[in-house]
Amino acid sequence: MKIIDVVCSEGRTGFYFDDQRAIKKGAGHDGFTYVGEPVTEGFKAIRQAGEAISVMLILEDGQVAFGDCAAVQYSGAGGRDPLFLAKDFIPVINEKIAPKLIGRELTNFKALAEEFDKMEIDGHRLHTAIRYGITQAILDAVAKTKKVTLAEVIKEEYNTGKEIKRIPIFTQSGDNRYENVDKMIIKGADVMPHALINHVEDKLGSKGEKLLEYVQWMTKRVQDLRSCECYAPVFHIDVYGTIGVAFDCDTIKMADYIQTLAEAAKPFKLRIEGPMDVEDRQKQMEALRDLTAEIDRRGLNVELVADEWCNTFEDVKFFADNKAGHMLQIKTPDLGGVNNIAEAILYCNEKGIGSYCGGTCNETNRSAEITTNIAMACGATQCLAKPGMGVDEGFMIVNNEMNRVVALANRRK
């Protein structure tokens, strides 16, 4: 089966681009927007509409395979590629990449994906969002050629040795962190609530008191609303480095505070994502490594999750090799080609580190479906419900895709 044409269309994502640096500098809310001027290059406002590009591969039998180019909510921060705007990059795909895709045989995903993931134009790698979408489309095309699910293609080509089955789904609340917890409990989310704790004074509290109160509330809320005691979700809270800010990145002080959160979360397991952000890859690894070791020394029922500065496949290996975190978020758009997602999950599994197939609220239904297939095929520890922060939509997309894939794979057994 060959590719005979490439067609691109502009799209919207399930959330927004946010200027993380401006928010960390104290930008205030005005309704759903932010007040103030952006500080990261490319932004025209602190919050602006998320954009995507659908890349459609026309196959010689008339089938259409497609993937979506998308970038994370906090583009341009934490060592990432710059803001991804569709009008800037559709010409790049049409003029530079499409001619290299047309006429290609679709016999193997891994080799073709790696070729386009490593491709350079004028001496530069393609934007991560382009590599992300192009390789999604290639995976879909190979699956359509072989008439199997995307998960089955990954399982076979990467020899994962994993059964294709459901994995825990992690839902995210956005700023509506109270009402959305109720939705998560009703729908039986495995992991919750993300909570978006991205501001010390407003959300964490200058001494961490606001987040502590929230964890106490959430613990009681699950116990009050759950239909049976067998429902015991993991509490996974992304603090965007604010614990480090509040406690001067002091390992002992941060561990003391996290210990109080763990007590408040009992009997539920607690995960803290991004406890600090020291604005440097090496120093971030060292800070997270040391805090991980201290959490382990105390025997706390807490897992730390690496996020900022753990962006590429090489970053994932770097953090995993140094035990910087109990779990690593594989922030799917940041890795570029989706072939790297498979490699990253399998590397974490090999090292005994939790593999969180994450991404961003600022993706599309298509990228969510495709990365869910990869997470299942590689046996990730958990998978993000995306896009958006409304809970229902992202959970529906990922949950239903999981069930479809399991049903189809089981049919072929």
Protein backbone atom coordinates (compact mmCIF):
# COMPACT_ATOMS: atom_id res chain seq x y z
CA MET A 1 0.00 0.00 0.00
CA LYS A 2 1.33 3.43 -1.00
CA ILE A 3 0.61 7.02 -0.02
CA ILE A 4 -0.64 8.89 -3.09
CA ASP A 5 -1.38 12.33 -1.62
CA VAL A 6 -1.15 14.46 1.53
CA VAL A 7 -3.87 16.92 2.59
CA CYS A 8 -3.70 19.35 5.53
CA SER A 9 -6.45 21.20 7.36
CA GLU A 10 -6.41 23.72 10.21
CA GLY A 11 -7.91 22.62 13.48
CA ARG A 12 -8.62 23.71 17.03
CA THR A 13 -7.38 21.84 20.06
CA GLY A 14 -9.34 20.90 23.17
CA PHE A 15 -7.87 23.75 25.22
CA TYR A 16 -5.61 26.80 24.96
CA PHE A 17 -2.02 27.97 24.72
CA ASP A 18 -1.01 29.60 28.02
CA ASP A 19 2.10 31.67 28.68
CA GLN A 20 3.42 29.77 31.70
CA ARG A 21 6.14 32.31 32.49
CA ALA A 22 3.63 35.14 32.65
CA ILE A 23 1.35 33.10 34.91
CA LYS A 24 4.25 32.27 37.23
CA LYS A 25 5.09 35.96 37.40
CA GLY A 26 1.64 36.57 38.89
CA ALA A 27 -0.75 37.25 36.00
CA GLY A 28 -4.26 37.44 37.43
CA HIS A 29 -7.52 36.00 36.09
CA ASP A 30 -10.23 38.00 34.38
CA GLY A 31 -13.01 35.49 33.85
CA PHE A 32 -11.48 32.73 31.75
CA THR A 33 -8.64 34.91 30.47
CA TYR A 34 -5.56 36.34 32.13
CA VAL A 35 -4.68 39.96 32.84
CA GLY A 36 -1.40 41.43 31.65
CA GLU A 37 1.12 41.16 28.86
CA PRO A 38 2.67 37.89 27.64
CA VAL A 39 6.40 37.38 28.19
CA THR A 40 7.11 34.28 26.09
CA GLU A 41 8.05 34.82 22.44
CA GLY A 42 5.23 34.30 19.95
CA PHE A 43 2.35 34.88 22.35
CA LYS A 44 -0.03 37.73 21.60
CA ALA A 45 -1.96 37.16 24.84
CA ILE A 46 -1.28 35.17 28.00
CA ARG A 47 -4.09 32.79 26.97
CA GLN A 48 -4.94 32.20 23.33
CA ALA A 49 -6.81 29.55 21.36
CA GLY A 50 -4.96 26.28 20.83
CA GLU A 51 -4.29 25.30 17.22
CA ALA A 52 -3.67 22.02 15.42
CA ILE A 53 -3.07 20.71 11.91
CA SER A 54 -4.70 17.51 10.66
CA VAL A 55 -2.36 15.66 8.30
CA MET A 56 -4.33 13.29 6.06
CA LEU A 57 -2.57 10.61 4.03
CA ILE A 58 -4.55 9.44 1.00
CA LEU A 59 -3.83 5.77 0.37
CA GLU A 60 -3.96 4.12 -3.03
CA ASP A 61 -7.08 2.11 -2.12
CA GLY A 62 -8.95 5.30 -1.20
CA GLN A 63 -8.59 5.02 2.56
CA VAL A 64 -7.59 8.14 4.52
CA ALA A 65 -5.21 7.87 7.47
CA PHE A 66 -4.67 10.91 9.63
CA GLY A 67 -2.99 12.35 12.67
CA ASP A 68 -3.04 15.73 14.36
CA CYS A 69 -0.08 18.04 14.86
CA ALA A 70 -0.50 19.64 18.28
CA ALA A 71 1.66 21.23 20.96
CA VAL A 72 1.38 21.49 24.72
CA GLN A 73 -0.58 24.12 26.62
CA TYR A 74 2.61 25.68 27.98
CA SER A 75 4.47 25.96 24.67
CA GLY A 76 7.79 27.78 24.71
CA ALA A 77 8.41 27.01 28.41
CA GLY A 78 10.52 24.43 30.21
CA GLY A 79 12.88 23.89 27.27
CA ARG A 80 10.13 23.23 24.69
CA ASP A 81 9.75 24.24 21.05
CA PRO A 82 8.08 27.61 20.38
CA LEU A 83 4.40 28.38 19.95
CA PHE A 84 2.76 26.25 17.23
CA LEU A 85 0.47 28.21 14.89
CA ALA A 86 -1.22 26.40 11.99
CA LYS A 87 -0.76 29.17 9.40
CA ASP A 88 2.99 29.11 9.96
CA PHE A 89 3.42 25.38 9.53
CA ILE A 90 0.92 24.15 6.92
CA PRO A 91 3.18 25.56 4.15
CA VAL A 92 6.14 23.70 5.67
CA ILE A 93 4.23 20.40 5.55
CA ASN A 94 2.90 20.98 2.02
CA GLU A 95 6.18 22.14 0.52
CA LYS A 96 8.86 20.26 2.43
CA ILE A 97 7.33 17.10 3.87
CA ALA A 98 4.45 15.99 1.63
CA PRO A 99 6.72 15.32 -1.39
CA LYS A 100 8.79 12.97 0.78
CA LEU A 101 5.65 11.06 1.90
CA ILE A 102 3.96 10.63 -1.46
CA GLY A 103 4.83 7.31 -3.05
CA ARG A 104 6.10 5.68 0.13
CA GLU A 105 5.23 2.04 0.87
CA LEU A 106 3.47 1.34 4.16
CA THR A 107 5.05 -1.92 5.26
CA ASN A 108 6.58 -0.85 8.59
CA PHE A 109 5.70 1.93 11.03
CA LYS A 110 8.87 2.11 13.10
CA ALA A 111 11.35 2.70 10.29
CA LEU A 112 9.22 5.26 8.45
CA ALA A 113 8.34 7.12 11.66
CA GLU A 114 11.97 7.31 12.73
CA GLU A 115 12.94 8.70 9.33
CA PHE A 116 10.45 11.57 9.54
CA ASP A 117 11.05 12.14 13.25
CA LYS A 118 14.77 12.69 12.55
CA MET A 119 14.25 14.68 9.36
CA GLU A 120 15.94 18.06 9.09
CA ILE A 121 15.01 21.02 6.90
CA ASP A 122 17.66 23.67 6.34
CA GLY A 123 19.72 22.08 9.08
CA HIS A 124 16.98 22.10 11.71
CA ARG A 125 14.75 19.38 13.15
CA LEU A 126 11.06 19.71 12.44
CA HIS A 127 8.91 21.30 15.16
CA THR A 128 7.86 18.66 17.69
CA ALA A 129 4.19 19.22 16.80
CA ILE A 130 4.82 18.39 13.13
CA ARG A 131 6.77 15.26 14.00
CA TYR A 132 3.96 14.30 16.36
CA GLY A 133 1.20 14.60 13.76
CA ILE A 134 3.08 13.13 10.80
CA THR A 135 4.03 9.99 12.71
CA GLN A 136 0.47 9.58 14.03
CA ALA A 137 -0.72 9.57 10.44
CA ILE A 138 1.94 7.02 9.46
CA LEU A 139 0.89 4.73 12.31
CA ASP A 140 -2.75 4.98 11.26
CA ALA A 141 -1.80 4.28 7.64
CA VAL A 142 0.17 1.15 8.54
CA ALA A 143 -2.70 -0.06 10.73
CA LYS A 144 -5.16 0.50 7.88
CA THR A 145 -2.86 -1.36 5.50
CA LYS A 146 -2.62 -4.34 7.87
CA LYS A 147 -6.29 -4.07 8.91
CA VAL A 148 -5.51 -4.14 12.64
CA THR A 149 -5.65 -1.64 15.52
CA LEU A 150 -2.85 0.83 16.06
CA ALA A 151 -2.07 -0.91 19.36
CA GLU A 152 -1.49 -4.20 17.53
CA VAL A 153 0.97 -2.55 15.15
CA ILE A 154 2.97 -1.17 18.10
CA LYS A 155 2.84 -4.43 20.04
CA GLU A 156 4.18 -6.38 17.07
CA GLU A 157 6.85 -3.97 15.83
CA TYR A 158 8.25 -3.15 19.28
CA ASN A 159 7.83 -6.68 20.62
CA THR A 160 6.37 -5.24 23.82
CA GLY A 161 5.24 -8.57 25.25
CA LYS A 162 2.25 -6.79 26.81
CA GLU A 163 -1.35 -7.91 26.72
CA ILE A 164 -3.60 -5.32 25.10
CA LYS A 165 -5.88 -4.37 27.97
CA ARG A 166 -7.24 -1.37 29.85
CA ILE A 167 -4.81 0.74 31.86
CA PRO A 168 -5.64 3.35 34.54
CA ILE A 169 -7.00 6.65 33.23
CA PHE A 170 -5.92 9.95 34.80
CA THR A 171 -8.47 12.77 34.63
CA GLN A 172 -7.67 16.47 35.02
CA SER A 173 -9.88 19.12 36.56
CA GLY A 174 -8.51 22.43 35.43
CA ASP A 175 -9.32 25.27 37.80
CA ASN A 176 -12.78 23.83 38.48
CA ARG A 177 -11.12 21.49 40.95
CA TYR A 178 -14.09 20.91 43.26
CA GLU A 179 -17.05 20.26 40.97
CA ASN A 180 -14.88 18.25 38.60
CA VAL A 181 -13.81 15.92 41.41
CA ASP A 182 -17.47 15.00 41.78
CA LYS A 183 -17.59 14.13 38.07
CA MET A 184 -14.48 11.98 38.45
CA ILE A 185 -15.94 10.06 41.37
CA ILE A 186 -19.25 9.48 39.60
CA LYS A 187 -17.45 8.17 36.50
CA GLY A 188 -14.99 6.09 38.49
CA ALA A 189 -11.77 7.75 37.33
CA ASP A 190 -8.76 5.64 38.29
CA VAL A 191 -6.45 8.59 38.95
CA MET A 192 -7.46 12.18 39.82
CA PRO A 193 -7.69 15.22 39.89
CA HIS A 194 -4.54 16.98 38.50
CA ALA A 195 -5.94 20.16 40.16
CA LEU A 196 -3.78 22.72 38.30
CA ILE A 197 -1.92 24.08 41.34
CA ASN A 198 0.13 26.62 39.37
CA HIS A 199 0.15 29.65 41.70
CA VAL A 200 1.53 29.81 45.23
CA GLU A 201 -0.67 32.44 46.86
CA ASP A 202 -3.92 31.58 45.10
CA LYS A 203 -3.78 27.78 44.97
CA LEU A 204 -0.99 26.27 47.10
CA GLY A 205 -0.96 28.82 49.90
CA SER A 206 2.20 30.59 51.05
CA LYS A 207 2.80 27.76 53.53
CA GLY A 208 0.97 25.11 51.52
CA GLU A 209 -2.21 25.46 53.56
CA LYS A 210 -4.62 25.79 50.63
CA LEU A 211 -3.51 22.59 48.92
CA LEU A 212 -3.55 20.74 52.26
CA GLU A 213 -7.14 21.83 52.82
CA TYR A 214 -8.03 20.69 49.30
CA VAL A 215 -6.52 17.23 49.82
CA GLN A 216 -8.42 16.90 53.10
CA TRP A 217 -11.64 17.86 51.33
CA MET A 218 -11.00 15.47 48.45
CA THR A 219 -10.30 12.54 50.75
CA LYS A 220 -13.62 13.05 52.52
CA ARG A 221 -15.45 13.70 49.26
CA VAL A 222 -14.41 10.37 47.73
CA GLN A 223 -15.46 8.52 50.87
CA ASP A 224 -18.81 10.34 50.93
CA LEU A 225 -19.71 9.87 47.25
CA ARG A 226 -18.24 6.53 46.22
CA SER A 227 -20.70 3.72 45.67
CA CYS A 228 -18.46 1.10 47.31
CA GLU A 229 -15.27 0.97 49.34
CA CYS A 230 -13.54 -0.86 46.49
CA TYR A 231 -13.28 2.48 44.67
CA ALA A 232 -9.91 3.89 45.74
CA PRO A 233 -8.53 6.35 43.19
CA VAL A 234 -4.94 7.54 43.24
CA PHE A 235 -4.64 11.26 44.05
CA HIS A 236 -2.30 12.76 41.45
CA ILE A 237 -1.74 16.51 41.88
CA ASP A 238 0.33 18.67 39.54
CA VAL A 239 1.85 21.55 41.52
CA TYR A 240 3.89 23.17 38.70
CA GLY A 241 6.93 23.76 40.90
CA THR A 242 5.02 25.75 43.51
CA ILE A 243 6.13 23.57 46.44
CA GLY A 244 9.70 24.44 45.55
CA VAL A 245 8.82 28.14 45.46
CA ALA A 246 7.01 28.04 48.81
CA PHE A 247 9.73 26.04 50.57
CA ASP A 248 12.85 27.51 48.92
CA CYS A 249 13.58 24.23 47.09
CA ASP A 250 14.86 22.86 50.41
CA THR A 251 14.68 19.07 50.18
CA ILE A 252 13.83 18.50 53.85
CA LYS A 253 11.21 21.28 54.02
CA MET A 254 9.55 20.04 50.81
CA ALA A 255 9.53 16.47 52.12
CA ASP A 256 8.04 17.62 55.43
CA TYR A 257 5.22 19.35 53.60
CA ILE A 258 4.59 16.45 51.23
CA GLN A 259 4.41 14.18 54.28
CA THR A 260 1.52 16.27 55.63
CA LEU A 261 -0.25 15.89 52.28
CA ALA A 262 0.26 12.12 52.39
CA GLU A 263 -1.31 11.99 55.86
CA ALA A 264 -4.27 14.04 54.64
CA ALA A 265 -4.76 11.73 51.66
CA LYS A 266 -4.97 8.52 53.69
CA PRO A 267 -6.21 5.90 52.91
CA PHE A 268 -5.55 6.93 49.31
CA LYS A 269 -2.21 6.90 47.49
CA LEU A 270 -0.75 10.30 46.61
CA ARG A 271 1.29 11.43 43.61
CA ILE A 272 2.86 14.88 43.37
CA GLU A 273 3.86 16.02 39.89
CA GLY A 274 6.48 18.71 39.36
CA PRO A 275 7.21 19.58 43.00
CA MET A 276 9.86 22.07 41.93
CA ASP A 277 11.07 23.77 38.74
CA VAL A 278 14.61 25.09 38.97
CA GLU A 279 14.72 26.27 35.34
CA ASP A 280 17.60 23.95 34.34
CA ARG A 281 17.62 20.33 33.17
CA GLN A 282 20.63 19.12 35.18
CA LYS A 283 19.61 20.94 38.35
CA GLN A 284 16.01 19.80 37.96
CA MET A 285 17.12 16.18 37.76
CA GLU A 286 19.31 16.58 40.84
CA ALA A 287 16.61 18.32 42.88
CA LEU A 288 13.99 15.71 41.98
CA ARG A 289 16.45 12.85 42.53
CA ASP A 290 17.27 14.10 46.03
CA LEU A 291 13.64 14.65 46.98
CA THR A 292 12.71 11.20 45.64
CA ALA A 293 15.41 9.65 47.80
CA GLU A 294 14.16 11.53 50.87
CA ILE A 295 10.55 10.46 50.26
CA ASP A 296 11.76 6.85 49.98
CA ARG A 297 13.88 7.16 53.12
CA ARG A 298 10.77 8.20 55.05
CA GLY A 299 8.72 5.36 53.59
CA LEU A 300 5.88 7.65 52.53
CA ASN A 301 2.95 6.43 50.42
CA VAL A 302 3.82 9.10 47.87
CA GLU A 303 5.18 9.02 44.35
CA LEU A 304 6.88 12.00 42.75
CA VAL A 305 6.27 12.58 39.05
CA ALA A 306 8.78 14.28 36.75
CA ASP A 307 7.35 16.78 34.28
CA GLU A 308 9.20 20.04 33.53
CA TRP A 309 12.61 19.54 31.84
CA CYS A 310 11.74 15.89 31.19
CA ASN A 311 10.54 16.50 27.65
CA THR A 312 12.36 14.43 25.04
CA PHE A 313 13.13 10.72 24.90
CA GLU A 314 16.70 11.55 25.91
CA ASP A 315 15.35 13.49 28.90
CA VAL A 316 13.19 10.52 29.90
CA LYS A 317 16.24 8.25 29.86
CA PHE A 318 18.26 10.83 31.82
CA PHE A 319 15.66 11.15 34.59
CA ALA A 320 14.96 7.41 34.69
CA ASP A 321 18.65 6.49 34.88
CA ASN A 322 19.11 8.86 37.83
CA LYS A 323 15.90 7.83 39.64
CA ALA A 324 14.68 11.41 39.50
CA GLY A 325 11.05 10.69 40.32
CA HIS A 326 9.05 7.53 40.93
CA MET A 327 7.11 8.14 37.71
CA LEU A 328 7.94 10.10 34.58
CA GLN A 329 5.37 11.92 32.55
CA ILE A 330 5.91 11.10 28.91
CA LYS A 331 4.56 14.39 27.64
CA THR A 332 3.58 13.02 24.27
CA PRO A 333 3.71 16.14 22.01
CA ASP A 334 7.11 17.10 23.46
CA LEU A 335 8.67 13.86 22.26
CA GLY A 336 7.96 14.62 18.60
CA GLY A 337 7.43 11.35 16.75
CA VAL A 338 5.01 8.99 18.45
CA ASN A 339 7.62 6.24 17.93
CA ASN A 340 9.44 7.93 20.82
CA ILE A 341 6.40 7.43 23.07
CA ALA A 342 6.66 3.68 22.64
CA GLU A 343 10.41 3.76 23.27
CA ALA A 344 10.01 5.96 26.35
CA ILE A 345 7.30 3.82 27.97
CA LEU A 346 9.29 0.66 27.37
CA TYR A 347 12.46 2.27 28.77
CA CYS A 348 10.66 3.34 31.96
CA ASN A 349 9.21 -0.15 32.34
CA GLU A 350 12.67 -1.66 31.91
CA LYS A 351 14.10 0.65 34.60
CA GLY A 352 11.25 0.01 37.05
CA ILE A 353 10.05 3.62 36.84
CA GLY A 354 6.35 4.44 36.50
CA SER A 355 5.40 5.38 32.93
CA TYR A 356 2.71 8.03 32.66
CA CYS A 357 1.61 8.39 29.02
CA GLY A 358 0.51 11.97 29.40
CA GLY A 359 0.43 14.90 27.06
CA THR A 360 -1.61 18.02 27.41
CA CYS A 361 -5.16 19.30 27.63
CA ASN A 362 -4.26 21.23 24.47
CA GLU A 363 -4.46 18.22 22.12
CA THR A 364 -7.20 16.80 19.93
CA ASN A 365 -9.47 13.76 20.04
CA ARG A 366 -7.30 12.18 17.34
CA SER A 367 -3.97 12.53 19.11
CA ALA A 368 -5.65 11.25 22.30
CA GLU A 369 -6.92 8.13 20.55
CA ILE A 370 -3.57 7.36 18.94
CA THR A 371 -1.46 7.85 22.06
CA THR A 372 -3.94 5.74 24.04
CA ASN A 373 -3.28 2.87 21.62
CA ILE A 374 0.46 3.24 22.19
CA ALA A 375 0.07 3.37 25.97
CA MET A 376 -1.98 0.18 25.95
CA ALA A 377 0.39 -1.68 23.62
CA CYS A 378 3.41 -0.82 25.78
CA GLY A 379 1.78 -1.34 29.18
CA ALA A 380 2.05 2.22 30.52
CA THR A 381 1.31 2.69 34.22
CA GLN A 382 -1.39 5.24 33.43
CA CYS A 383 -2.80 7.26 30.54
CA LEU A 384 -4.07 10.83 30.49
CA ALA A 385 -7.72 11.60 29.71
CA LYS A 386 -7.42 14.32 27.08
CA PRO A 387 -8.00 16.80 25.56
CA GLY A 388 -9.62 19.58 27.57
CA MET A 389 -10.14 20.04 31.28
CA GLY A 390 -13.87 19.38 31.49
CA VAL A 391 -13.37 15.73 32.58
CA ASP A 392 -16.31 14.27 30.66
CA GLU A 393 -15.02 14.73 27.12
CA GLY A 394 -11.43 13.60 27.65
CA PHE A 395 -12.49 10.64 29.80
CA MET A 396 -15.05 9.60 27.18
CA ILE A 397 -12.54 9.75 24.31
CA VAL A 398 -9.81 7.75 26.05
CA ASN A 399 -12.11 5.31 27.86
CA ASN A 400 -14.10 4.47 24.75
CA GLU A 401 -11.00 4.08 22.59
CA MET A 402 -9.53 1.69 25.14
CA ASN A 403 -12.66 -0.44 25.11
CA ARG A 404 -12.86 -0.49 21.31
CA VAL A 405 -9.23 -1.56 20.99
CA VAL A 406 -9.59 -4.31 23.60
CA ALA A 407 -12.74 -5.64 21.95
CA LEU A 408 -11.18 -5.71 18.47
CA ALA A 409 -7.90 -7.22 19.65
CA ASN A 410 -9.78 -9.91 21.59
CA ARG A 411 -11.81 -10.75 18.51
CA ARG A 412 -8.61 -11.65 16.66
CA LYS A 413 -7.22 -13.88 19.39
